[in-house]
Amino acid sequence: MTDLPLFDRSHFDGETFDPFVDGVRLESQLSLVAHVMSDGAWWTIPAVVVEIATRYGVKCSDTGVSARIRDFRKDRFGAHEVERRRVAGGSGLYEYRVVVGATARRS
């Protein structure tokens, strides 16, 4: 298992971001998603949500997990490559894999 780095709330930003309200939550959520996805396996967003609840007893939304997966591509979160592929028969369902140490592809 390859570990993704720990994250610092100072990396988060945005127009509505309040470090006192959102900082701990987003930092924790990103770390949980990183722990689950650090195995190099393919994960759907709903599967990550269920795995976080099962392993850690923490509820995360699909939307929150999706946002944290996108964060992995950002320079300030390591610019990791996040691969995506459509699930066969999943009618628009995708699964994702974080490639630790690979630089995110820019289009």
N, C-alpha and C. Protein backbone atom coordinates (compact mmCIF):
# COMPACT_ATOMS: atom_id res chain seq x y z
N MET A 1 0.84 -1.19 0.00
CA MET A 1 0.00 0.00 0.00
C MET A 1 0.88 1.24 0.00
N THR A 2 0.58 2.17 -0.89
CA THR A 2 1.31 3.43 -0.97
C THR A 2 0.48 4.50 -0.30
N ASP A 3 1.11 5.26 0.57
CA ASP A 3 0.38 6.30 1.30
C ASP A 3 0.45 7.62 0.56
N LEU A 4 -0.67 8.28 0.47
CA LEU A 4 -0.71 9.65 0.00
C LEU A 4 -0.29 10.54 1.16
N PRO A 5 0.24 11.72 0.90
CA PRO A 5 0.68 12.60 1.98
C PRO A 5 -0.49 13.11 2.82
N LEU A 6 -0.18 13.51 4.04
CA LEU A 6 -1.19 14.15 4.87
C LEU A 6 -1.44 15.55 4.33
N PHE A 7 -2.62 16.07 4.58
CA PHE A 7 -3.00 17.34 4.00
C PHE A 7 -3.24 18.38 5.07
N ASP A 8 -3.05 19.60 4.70
CA ASP A 8 -3.15 20.75 5.60
C ASP A 8 -4.30 21.63 5.13
N ARG A 9 -5.12 22.07 6.07
CA ARG A 9 -6.29 22.88 5.70
C ARG A 9 -5.91 24.19 5.02
N SER A 10 -4.67 24.63 5.16
CA SER A 10 -4.28 25.87 4.50
C SER A 10 -4.27 25.72 2.98
N HIS A 11 -4.34 24.48 2.49
CA HIS A 11 -4.37 24.24 1.05
C HIS A 11 -5.75 24.49 0.45
N PHE A 12 -6.77 24.49 1.27
CA PHE A 12 -8.14 24.70 0.77
C PHE A 12 -8.40 26.18 0.59
N ASP A 13 -9.26 26.48 -0.37
CA ASP A 13 -9.62 27.88 -0.60
C ASP A 13 -10.98 27.93 -1.28
N GLY A 14 -11.36 29.08 -1.70
CA GLY A 14 -12.63 29.26 -2.40
C GLY A 14 -13.41 30.39 -1.79
N GLU A 15 -14.34 30.89 -2.56
CA GLU A 15 -15.12 32.05 -2.16
C GLU A 15 -15.90 31.81 -0.87
N THR A 16 -16.43 30.60 -0.70
CA THR A 16 -17.26 30.32 0.49
C THR A 16 -16.51 29.56 1.57
N PHE A 17 -15.22 29.28 1.37
CA PHE A 17 -14.44 28.52 2.34
C PHE A 17 -14.15 29.33 3.59
N ASP A 18 -14.50 28.80 4.73
CA ASP A 18 -14.20 29.40 6.03
C ASP A 18 -13.32 28.40 6.78
N PRO A 19 -12.05 28.73 7.01
CA PRO A 19 -11.14 27.76 7.64
C PRO A 19 -11.60 27.28 9.02
N PHE A 20 -12.34 28.12 9.73
CA PHE A 20 -12.80 27.73 11.06
C PHE A 20 -13.99 26.78 11.01
N VAL A 21 -14.79 26.89 9.97
CA VAL A 21 -15.98 26.05 9.82
C VAL A 21 -15.67 24.82 8.98
N ASP A 22 -14.92 25.02 7.89
CA ASP A 22 -14.73 23.97 6.90
C ASP A 22 -13.37 23.27 6.96
N GLY A 23 -12.39 23.90 7.55
CA GLY A 23 -11.02 23.40 7.50
C GLY A 23 -10.84 21.98 7.99
N VAL A 24 -11.25 21.70 9.20
CA VAL A 24 -11.06 20.37 9.78
C VAL A 24 -11.85 19.32 8.99
N ARG A 25 -13.07 19.66 8.62
CA ARG A 25 -13.91 18.72 7.88
C ARG A 25 -13.28 18.34 6.54
N LEU A 26 -12.82 19.32 5.77
CA LEU A 26 -12.25 19.04 4.46
C LEU A 26 -10.91 18.33 4.57
N GLU A 27 -10.11 18.74 5.54
CA GLU A 27 -8.82 18.09 5.76
C GLU A 27 -9.02 16.62 6.13
N SER A 28 -9.96 16.36 7.03
CA SER A 28 -10.25 14.98 7.44
C SER A 28 -10.81 14.17 6.28
N GLN A 29 -11.74 14.76 5.55
CA GLN A 29 -12.36 14.06 4.43
C GLN A 29 -11.31 13.70 3.38
N LEU A 30 -10.41 14.61 3.07
CA LEU A 30 -9.37 14.34 2.08
C LEU A 30 -8.45 13.22 2.55
N SER A 31 -8.10 13.24 3.82
CA SER A 31 -7.24 12.19 4.36
C SER A 31 -7.93 10.83 4.32
N LEU A 32 -9.22 10.78 4.64
CA LEU A 32 -9.96 9.51 4.59
C LEU A 32 -10.04 8.97 3.17
N VAL A 33 -10.35 9.83 2.21
CA VAL A 33 -10.41 9.40 0.82
C VAL A 33 -9.02 8.92 0.37
N ALA A 34 -7.98 9.62 0.79
CA ALA A 34 -6.62 9.22 0.44
C ALA A 34 -6.28 7.85 1.00
N HIS A 35 -6.65 7.60 2.24
CA HIS A 35 -6.36 6.29 2.85
C HIS A 35 -7.07 5.17 2.10
N VAL A 36 -8.32 5.39 1.76
CA VAL A 36 -9.07 4.35 1.05
C VAL A 36 -8.49 4.11 -0.34
N MET A 37 -8.17 5.18 -1.05
CA MET A 37 -7.75 5.05 -2.44
C MET A 37 -6.26 4.81 -2.60
N SER A 38 -5.52 4.76 -1.52
CA SER A 38 -4.06 4.60 -1.61
C SER A 38 -3.64 3.18 -1.98
N ASP A 39 -4.60 2.27 -2.10
CA ASP A 39 -4.25 0.89 -2.45
C ASP A 39 -4.03 0.69 -3.94
N GLY A 40 -4.28 1.72 -4.75
CA GLY A 40 -4.07 1.62 -6.19
C GLY A 40 -5.18 0.91 -6.93
N ALA A 41 -6.24 0.52 -6.22
CA ALA A 41 -7.36 -0.16 -6.85
C ALA A 41 -8.31 0.85 -7.49
N TRP A 42 -9.20 0.36 -8.34
CA TRP A 42 -10.25 1.18 -8.93
C TRP A 42 -11.41 1.28 -7.96
N TRP A 43 -11.93 2.49 -7.77
CA TRP A 43 -13.02 2.75 -6.83
C TRP A 43 -14.09 3.60 -7.48
N THR A 44 -15.36 3.24 -7.28
CA THR A 44 -16.45 4.15 -7.63
C THR A 44 -16.62 5.09 -6.45
N ILE A 45 -17.23 6.23 -6.70
CA ILE A 45 -17.46 7.18 -5.61
C ILE A 45 -18.36 6.57 -4.53
N PRO A 46 -19.48 5.92 -4.90
CA PRO A 46 -20.29 5.30 -3.84
C PRO A 46 -19.53 4.25 -3.03
N ALA A 47 -18.63 3.52 -3.67
CA ALA A 47 -17.85 2.51 -2.94
C ALA A 47 -16.90 3.17 -1.95
N VAL A 48 -16.33 4.31 -2.31
CA VAL A 48 -15.45 5.04 -1.37
C VAL A 48 -16.27 5.52 -0.17
N VAL A 49 -17.46 6.03 -0.43
CA VAL A 49 -18.34 6.50 0.66
C VAL A 49 -18.63 5.36 1.63
N VAL A 50 -18.99 4.19 1.10
CA VAL A 50 -19.30 3.03 1.94
C VAL A 50 -18.06 2.56 2.69
N GLU A 51 -16.92 2.54 2.02
CA GLU A 51 -15.68 2.08 2.67
C GLU A 51 -15.27 3.00 3.82
N ILE A 52 -15.41 4.30 3.64
CA ILE A 52 -15.09 5.26 4.71
C ILE A 52 -16.02 5.03 5.90
N ALA A 53 -17.29 4.83 5.63
CA ALA A 53 -18.25 4.57 6.72
C ALA A 53 -17.94 3.27 7.43
N THR A 54 -17.57 2.25 6.68
CA THR A 54 -17.27 0.93 7.26
C THR A 54 -15.99 0.95 8.08
N ARG A 55 -14.93 1.50 7.49
CA ARG A 55 -13.62 1.49 8.17
C ARG A 55 -13.54 2.47 9.33
N TYR A 56 -14.10 3.66 9.13
CA TYR A 56 -13.86 4.75 10.07
C TYR A 56 -15.10 5.25 10.79
N GLY A 57 -16.27 4.77 10.38
CA GLY A 57 -17.52 5.22 11.01
C GLY A 57 -17.85 6.67 10.72
N VAL A 58 -17.38 7.17 9.59
CA VAL A 58 -17.59 8.57 9.22
C VAL A 58 -18.48 8.62 7.98
N LYS A 59 -19.47 9.49 8.02
CA LYS A 59 -20.35 9.67 6.86
C LYS A 59 -19.80 10.77 5.97
N CYS A 60 -19.66 10.46 4.70
CA CYS A 60 -19.26 11.44 3.69
C CYS A 60 -20.29 11.40 2.57
N SER A 61 -20.49 12.50 1.92
CA SER A 61 -21.42 12.53 0.78
C SER A 61 -20.68 12.14 -0.49
N ASP A 62 -21.45 11.66 -1.47
CA ASP A 62 -20.86 11.37 -2.78
C ASP A 62 -20.23 12.64 -3.36
N THR A 63 -20.92 13.76 -3.19
CA THR A 63 -20.42 15.03 -3.72
C THR A 63 -19.09 15.41 -3.07
N GLY A 64 -18.99 15.24 -1.76
CA GLY A 64 -17.76 15.56 -1.05
C GLY A 64 -16.60 14.67 -1.49
N VAL A 65 -16.86 13.37 -1.63
CA VAL A 65 -15.81 12.45 -2.07
C VAL A 65 -15.37 12.80 -3.49
N SER A 66 -16.32 13.11 -4.36
CA SER A 66 -15.99 13.49 -5.73
C SER A 66 -15.09 14.73 -5.74
N ALA A 67 -15.40 15.70 -4.91
CA ALA A 67 -14.59 16.93 -4.83
C ALA A 67 -13.18 16.62 -4.32
N ARG A 68 -13.07 15.73 -3.34
CA ARG A 68 -11.75 15.39 -2.81
C ARG A 68 -10.92 14.63 -3.84
N ILE A 69 -11.56 13.78 -4.64
CA ILE A 69 -10.83 13.09 -5.70
C ILE A 69 -10.30 14.11 -6.70
N ARG A 70 -11.09 15.11 -7.04
CA ARG A 70 -10.62 16.17 -7.94
C ARG A 70 -9.47 16.95 -7.30
N ASP A 71 -9.50 17.11 -5.98
CA ASP A 71 -8.42 17.82 -5.29
C ASP A 71 -7.07 17.15 -5.52
N PHE A 72 -7.04 15.83 -5.60
CA PHE A 72 -5.77 15.12 -5.79
C PHE A 72 -5.03 15.59 -7.04
N ARG A 73 -5.75 16.07 -8.04
CA ARG A 73 -5.13 16.52 -9.29
C ARG A 73 -4.46 17.89 -9.13
N LYS A 74 -4.88 18.65 -8.15
CA LYS A 74 -4.38 20.02 -7.98
C LYS A 74 -2.94 20.02 -7.48
N ASP A 75 -2.18 21.00 -7.96
CA ASP A 75 -0.78 21.12 -7.56
C ASP A 75 -0.61 21.13 -6.05
N ARG A 76 -1.45 21.88 -5.36
CA ARG A 76 -1.28 22.04 -3.91
C ARG A 76 -1.60 20.78 -3.12
N PHE A 77 -2.19 19.78 -3.79
CA PHE A 77 -2.47 18.49 -3.15
C PHE A 77 -1.63 17.38 -3.76
N GLY A 78 -0.57 17.73 -4.46
CA GLY A 78 0.36 16.74 -4.97
C GLY A 78 0.34 16.51 -6.46
N ALA A 79 -0.63 17.08 -7.18
CA ALA A 79 -0.74 16.93 -8.63
C ALA A 79 -0.68 15.46 -9.04
N HIS A 80 -1.40 14.60 -8.30
CA HIS A 80 -1.43 13.18 -8.62
C HIS A 80 -2.25 12.93 -9.87
N GLU A 81 -1.91 11.89 -10.58
CA GLU A 81 -2.73 11.49 -11.71
C GLU A 81 -3.94 10.72 -11.17
N VAL A 82 -5.12 11.10 -11.61
CA VAL A 82 -6.34 10.39 -11.25
C VAL A 82 -6.90 9.80 -12.54
N GLU A 83 -6.87 8.48 -12.62
CA GLU A 83 -7.39 7.81 -13.81
C GLU A 83 -8.88 7.58 -13.64
N ARG A 84 -9.58 7.57 -14.76
CA ARG A 84 -11.03 7.39 -14.74
C ARG A 84 -11.41 6.43 -15.86
N ARG A 85 -12.35 5.54 -15.56
CA ARG A 85 -12.90 4.68 -16.60
C ARG A 85 -14.37 4.41 -16.30
N ARG A 86 -15.12 4.26 -17.38
CA ARG A 86 -16.55 3.99 -17.26
C ARG A 86 -16.76 2.54 -16.83
N VAL A 87 -17.69 2.34 -15.91
CA VAL A 87 -18.06 1.00 -15.46
C VAL A 87 -18.97 0.39 -16.52
N ALA A 88 -18.62 -0.80 -16.99
CA ALA A 88 -19.43 -1.47 -18.00
C ALA A 88 -20.85 -1.67 -17.47
N GLY A 89 -21.83 -1.26 -18.26
CA GLY A 89 -23.22 -1.41 -17.85
C GLY A 89 -23.63 -0.49 -16.71
N GLY A 90 -22.76 0.45 -16.35
CA GLY A 90 -23.02 1.32 -15.22
C GLY A 90 -23.80 2.58 -15.55
N SER A 91 -24.24 2.70 -16.79
CA SER A 91 -25.02 3.85 -17.26
C SER A 91 -24.51 5.19 -16.71
N GLY A 92 -23.27 5.49 -17.02
CA GLY A 92 -22.70 6.76 -16.59
C GLY A 92 -21.90 6.70 -15.30
N LEU A 93 -21.79 5.52 -14.71
CA LEU A 93 -21.00 5.36 -13.48
C LEU A 93 -19.54 5.18 -13.85
N TYR A 94 -18.68 5.90 -13.16
CA TYR A 94 -17.24 5.83 -13.38
C TYR A 94 -16.55 5.32 -12.13
N GLU A 95 -15.36 4.78 -12.35
CA GLU A 95 -14.50 4.43 -11.22
C GLU A 95 -13.18 5.14 -11.42
N TYR A 96 -12.50 5.36 -10.31
CA TYR A 96 -11.30 6.19 -10.29
C TYR A 96 -10.17 5.47 -9.58
N ARG A 97 -8.95 5.83 -9.99
CA ARG A 97 -7.76 5.30 -9.33
C ARG A 97 -6.75 6.43 -9.24
N VAL A 98 -6.18 6.64 -8.05
CA VAL A 98 -5.15 7.64 -7.85
C VAL A 98 -3.80 6.98 -8.05
N VAL A 99 -3.01 7.55 -8.95
CA VAL A 99 -1.67 7.05 -9.21
C VAL A 99 -0.70 7.95 -8.45
N VAL A 100 -0.26 7.47 -7.30
CA VAL A 100 0.60 8.27 -6.44
C VAL A 100 1.95 8.45 -7.10
N GLY A 101 2.42 9.69 -7.11
CA GLY A 101 3.73 9.99 -7.66
C GLY A 101 3.69 10.33 -9.14
N ALA A 102 2.60 9.99 -9.83
CA ALA A 102 2.46 10.36 -11.24
C ALA A 102 1.88 11.77 -11.31
N THR A 103 2.41 12.57 -12.18
CA THR A 103 1.93 13.94 -12.31
C THR A 103 0.64 13.94 -13.11
N ALA A 104 -0.31 14.71 -12.64
CA ALA A 104 -1.60 14.80 -13.31
C ALA A 104 -1.41 15.30 -14.73
N ARG A 105 -2.15 14.71 -15.64
CA ARG A 105 -2.12 15.15 -17.03
C ARG A 105 -2.93 16.42 -17.17
N ARG A 106 -2.37 17.38 -17.83
CA ARG A 106 -3.07 18.65 -18.07
C ARG A 106 -3.57 18.65 -19.52
N SER A 107 -4.82 19.08 -19.70
CA SER A 107 -5.32 19.16 -21.08
C SER A 107 -5.28 20.56 -21.58
